[in-house]
N, C-alpha and C. Protein backbone atom coordinates (compact mmCIF):
# COMPACT_ATOMS: atom_id res chain seq x y z
N UNK A 1 6.04 -17.48 -8.55
CA UNK A 1 5.56 -17.46 -7.18
C UNK A 1 4.54 -16.33 -7.02
N UNK A 2 3.42 -16.62 -6.42
CA UNK A 2 2.40 -15.62 -6.15
C UNK A 2 2.83 -14.79 -4.94
N UNK A 3 2.72 -13.46 -5.03
CA UNK A 3 3.14 -12.62 -3.92
C UNK A 3 2.33 -12.82 -2.63
N UNK A 4 1.06 -13.27 -2.72
CA UNK A 4 0.23 -13.47 -1.53
C UNK A 4 0.22 -12.21 -0.66
N UNK A 5 -0.14 -11.09 -1.27
CA UNK A 5 -0.14 -9.79 -0.62
C UNK A 5 -1.28 -9.67 0.39
N UNK A 6 -0.95 -9.19 1.60
CA UNK A 6 -1.95 -8.93 2.64
C UNK A 6 -1.76 -7.51 3.13
N UNK A 7 -2.86 -6.76 3.19
CA UNK A 7 -2.83 -5.37 3.63
C UNK A 7 -3.93 -5.19 4.68
N UNK A 8 -3.57 -4.66 5.85
CA UNK A 8 -4.57 -4.44 6.89
C UNK A 8 -4.13 -3.31 7.80
N UNK A 9 -4.98 -2.65 8.53
CA UNK A 9 -6.43 -2.75 8.43
C UNK A 9 -6.93 -2.00 7.19
N UNK A 10 -8.01 -2.43 6.68
CA UNK A 10 -8.65 -1.77 5.54
C UNK A 10 -10.14 -1.91 5.72
N UNK A 11 -10.82 -0.86 6.16
CA UNK A 11 -10.47 0.55 6.20
C UNK A 11 -9.35 0.86 7.21
N UNK A 12 -8.57 1.92 6.89
CA UNK A 12 -7.43 2.32 7.71
C UNK A 12 -7.71 3.66 8.38
N UNK A 13 -6.92 3.95 9.43
CA UNK A 13 -6.96 5.28 10.06
C UNK A 13 -5.69 6.05 9.72
N UNK A 14 -4.55 5.61 10.25
CA UNK A 14 -3.29 6.32 10.01
C UNK A 14 -2.20 5.45 9.40
N UNK A 15 -2.21 4.16 9.71
CA UNK A 15 -1.14 3.26 9.26
C UNK A 15 -1.73 1.97 8.73
N UNK A 16 -1.00 1.35 7.80
CA UNK A 16 -1.36 0.01 7.35
C UNK A 16 -0.15 -0.90 7.46
N UNK A 17 -0.40 -2.18 7.61
CA UNK A 17 0.62 -3.21 7.62
C UNK A 17 0.54 -3.94 6.29
N UNK A 18 1.69 -4.30 5.74
CA UNK A 18 1.74 -4.99 4.45
C UNK A 18 2.66 -6.19 4.60
N UNK A 19 2.19 -7.36 4.21
CA UNK A 19 3.03 -8.55 4.17
C UNK A 19 2.86 -9.24 2.83
N UNK A 20 3.89 -9.97 2.44
CA UNK A 20 3.89 -10.63 1.15
C UNK A 20 4.80 -11.85 1.18
N UNK A 21 4.47 -12.84 0.36
CA UNK A 21 5.33 -14.00 0.21
C UNK A 21 6.51 -13.71 -0.70
N UNK A 22 6.47 -12.61 -1.41
CA UNK A 22 7.53 -12.17 -2.32
C UNK A 22 8.15 -10.89 -1.76
N UNK A 23 9.48 -10.73 -1.80
CA UNK A 23 10.08 -9.50 -1.29
C UNK A 23 9.52 -8.25 -1.99
N UNK A 24 9.21 -7.24 -1.19
CA UNK A 24 8.65 -5.98 -1.69
C UNK A 24 9.78 -5.04 -2.06
N UNK A 25 9.66 -4.39 -3.22
CA UNK A 25 10.67 -3.43 -3.67
C UNK A 25 10.20 -1.98 -3.47
N UNK A 26 8.92 -1.70 -3.78
CA UNK A 26 8.43 -0.33 -3.72
C UNK A 26 6.94 -0.30 -3.42
N UNK A 27 6.53 0.71 -2.65
CA UNK A 27 5.11 0.97 -2.38
C UNK A 27 4.79 2.36 -2.90
N UNK A 28 3.66 2.47 -3.61
CA UNK A 28 3.20 3.77 -4.10
C UNK A 28 1.72 3.91 -3.76
N UNK A 29 1.32 5.10 -3.35
CA UNK A 29 -0.08 5.38 -3.04
C UNK A 29 -0.55 6.47 -3.99
N UNK A 30 -1.70 6.20 -4.64
CA UNK A 30 -2.29 7.13 -5.61
C UNK A 30 -3.70 7.49 -5.17
N UNK A 31 -4.15 8.69 -5.58
CA UNK A 31 -5.56 8.99 -5.43
C UNK A 31 -6.29 8.44 -6.65
N UNK A 32 -7.60 8.60 -6.70
CA UNK A 32 -8.37 7.99 -7.79
C UNK A 32 -8.20 8.70 -9.13
N UNK A 33 -7.55 9.87 -9.14
CA UNK A 33 -7.25 10.55 -10.41
C UNK A 33 -5.92 10.08 -10.98
N UNK A 34 -5.19 9.25 -10.22
CA UNK A 34 -3.90 8.75 -10.69
C UNK A 34 -2.71 9.56 -10.20
N UNK A 35 -2.95 10.55 -9.36
CA UNK A 35 -1.86 11.36 -8.81
C UNK A 35 -1.16 10.58 -7.70
N UNK A 36 0.17 10.46 -7.84
CA UNK A 36 0.94 9.76 -6.82
C UNK A 36 1.09 10.66 -5.59
N UNK A 37 0.68 10.14 -4.44
CA UNK A 37 0.71 10.89 -3.19
C UNK A 37 1.89 10.50 -2.30
N UNK A 38 2.39 9.28 -2.49
CA UNK A 38 3.41 8.75 -1.59
C UNK A 38 4.18 7.64 -2.31
N UNK A 39 5.49 7.60 -2.07
CA UNK A 39 6.31 6.50 -2.58
C UNK A 39 7.29 6.11 -1.48
N UNK A 40 7.46 4.81 -1.28
CA UNK A 40 8.39 4.31 -0.28
C UNK A 40 9.17 3.15 -0.89
N UNK A 41 10.49 3.27 -0.92
CA UNK A 41 11.34 2.18 -1.39
C UNK A 41 11.64 1.27 -0.21
N UNK A 42 11.53 -0.02 -0.46
CA UNK A 42 11.72 -1.03 0.57
C UNK A 42 12.96 -1.84 0.21
N UNK A 43 13.74 -2.21 1.20
CA UNK A 43 14.95 -3.00 0.96
C UNK A 43 14.62 -4.49 0.89
N UNK A 44 13.74 -4.84 -0.05
CA UNK A 44 13.39 -6.24 -0.32
C UNK A 44 12.97 -7.00 0.94
N UNK A 45 12.11 -6.38 1.72
CA UNK A 45 11.54 -7.01 2.90
C UNK A 45 10.20 -7.64 2.54
N UNK A 46 9.78 -8.60 3.33
CA UNK A 46 8.48 -9.24 3.11
C UNK A 46 7.37 -8.61 3.93
N UNK A 47 7.71 -7.65 4.80
CA UNK A 47 6.68 -6.96 5.56
C UNK A 47 7.15 -5.55 5.88
N UNK A 48 6.19 -4.65 6.00
CA UNK A 48 6.51 -3.26 6.34
C UNK A 48 5.25 -2.57 6.83
N UNK A 49 5.44 -1.40 7.39
CA UNK A 49 4.34 -0.55 7.83
C UNK A 49 4.38 0.72 6.99
N UNK A 50 3.22 1.23 6.63
CA UNK A 50 3.14 2.45 5.83
C UNK A 50 2.28 3.47 6.55
N UNK A 51 2.84 4.65 6.79
CA UNK A 51 2.13 5.73 7.47
C UNK A 51 1.31 6.51 6.45
N UNK A 52 0.00 6.51 6.60
CA UNK A 52 -0.90 7.22 5.69
C UNK A 52 -1.56 8.41 6.38
N UNK A 53 -1.00 8.86 7.48
CA UNK A 53 -1.57 9.99 8.23
C UNK A 53 -1.73 11.19 7.30
N UNK A 54 -2.90 11.80 7.33
CA UNK A 54 -3.17 12.96 6.49
C UNK A 54 -3.73 12.62 5.12
N UNK A 55 -3.73 11.35 4.76
CA UNK A 55 -4.29 10.93 3.47
C UNK A 55 -5.68 10.36 3.71
N UNK A 56 -6.60 10.71 2.85
CA UNK A 56 -7.97 10.25 2.99
C UNK A 56 -8.41 9.57 1.71
N UNK A 57 -9.09 8.44 1.84
CA UNK A 57 -9.43 7.61 0.71
C UNK A 57 -10.72 7.94 0.06
N UNK A 58 -11.03 7.15 -0.94
CA UNK A 58 -10.31 5.93 -1.30
C UNK A 58 -8.97 6.23 -1.98
N UNK A 59 -8.03 5.31 -1.78
CA UNK A 59 -6.69 5.41 -2.34
C UNK A 59 -6.34 4.09 -3.01
N UNK A 60 -5.34 4.12 -3.87
CA UNK A 60 -4.85 2.90 -4.50
C UNK A 60 -3.41 2.67 -4.05
N UNK A 61 -3.16 1.50 -3.48
CA UNK A 61 -1.82 1.09 -3.08
C UNK A 61 -1.27 0.19 -4.18
N UNK A 62 -0.15 0.59 -4.77
CA UNK A 62 0.52 -0.25 -5.77
C UNK A 62 1.80 -0.78 -5.13
N UNK A 63 1.90 -2.09 -5.07
CA UNK A 63 3.06 -2.76 -4.50
C UNK A 63 3.84 -3.41 -5.63
N UNK A 64 5.11 -3.03 -5.77
CA UNK A 64 5.99 -3.63 -6.77
C UNK A 64 6.96 -4.55 -6.04
N UNK A 65 7.09 -5.76 -6.56
CA UNK A 65 7.91 -6.77 -5.91
C UNK A 65 9.29 -6.84 -6.56
N UNK A 66 10.22 -7.48 -5.86
CA UNK A 66 11.59 -7.62 -6.33
C UNK A 66 11.65 -8.26 -7.71
N UNK A 67 10.71 -9.17 -8.00
CA UNK A 67 10.73 -9.87 -9.29
C UNK A 67 10.14 -9.04 -10.43
N UNK A 68 9.71 -7.79 -10.13
CA UNK A 68 9.20 -6.89 -11.17
C UNK A 68 7.69 -6.88 -11.33
N UNK A 69 6.98 -7.83 -10.73
CA UNK A 69 5.52 -7.84 -10.82
C UNK A 69 4.95 -6.83 -9.81
N UNK A 70 3.68 -6.50 -9.99
CA UNK A 70 3.04 -5.57 -9.06
C UNK A 70 1.59 -5.96 -8.84
N UNK A 71 1.04 -5.48 -7.73
CA UNK A 71 -0.37 -5.67 -7.39
C UNK A 71 -0.92 -4.36 -6.88
N UNK A 72 -2.22 -4.15 -7.11
CA UNK A 72 -2.89 -2.96 -6.62
C UNK A 72 -4.01 -3.34 -5.67
N UNK A 73 -4.17 -2.54 -4.62
CA UNK A 73 -5.22 -2.74 -3.63
C UNK A 73 -5.89 -1.39 -3.39
N UNK A 74 -7.21 -1.38 -3.35
CA UNK A 74 -7.94 -0.16 -3.01
C UNK A 74 -8.01 -0.04 -1.49
N UNK A 75 -7.60 1.12 -0.98
CA UNK A 75 -7.63 1.39 0.45
C UNK A 75 -8.76 2.36 0.75
N UNK A 76 -9.45 2.13 1.84
CA UNK A 76 -10.56 2.98 2.24
C UNK A 76 -10.21 3.64 3.57
N UNK A 77 -10.38 4.96 3.63
CA UNK A 77 -10.12 5.71 4.85
C UNK A 77 -11.26 5.53 5.84
N UNK A 78 -10.93 5.37 7.11
CA UNK A 78 -11.94 5.21 8.15
C UNK A 78 -12.27 6.55 8.82
N UNK A 79 -11.69 7.64 8.34
CA UNK A 79 -11.94 8.95 8.93
C UNK A 79 -13.37 9.38 8.68
N UNK A 80 -14.04 9.93 9.67
CA UNK A 80 -15.42 10.39 9.48
C UNK A 80 -15.51 11.45 8.39
N UNK A 81 -16.55 11.36 7.60
CA UNK A 81 -16.77 12.36 6.57
C UNK A 81 -16.11 12.07 5.25
N UNK A 82 -15.44 10.90 5.13
CA UNK A 82 -14.79 10.55 3.86
C UNK A 82 -15.36 9.27 3.32
C-alpha cells in the first residue's frame, strides 16, 4: 500500500499538518547537514500536526510508517530572511 503522504502548508510558518493512507509511526525533522532537530512518536494515526516553531528551513521531514517504510519531504520556512 502506498502511504499517499500529504504535508501542508509548505512553505510553513509554525505548524504543519500531515496525513497519510498508511498509519504513521514516527516523524523526524532534520536540517540539511543531517542533524536531527525533532522527533515525535505517533500512536499509529493517519493524521497529525507538527509544531515547527523556532525551526527555520529548509528542513527534511522523514515520516516512518507502521509497516516500516519511510518517506522524506523537504520543508521550506516562510519566515522572512530564510
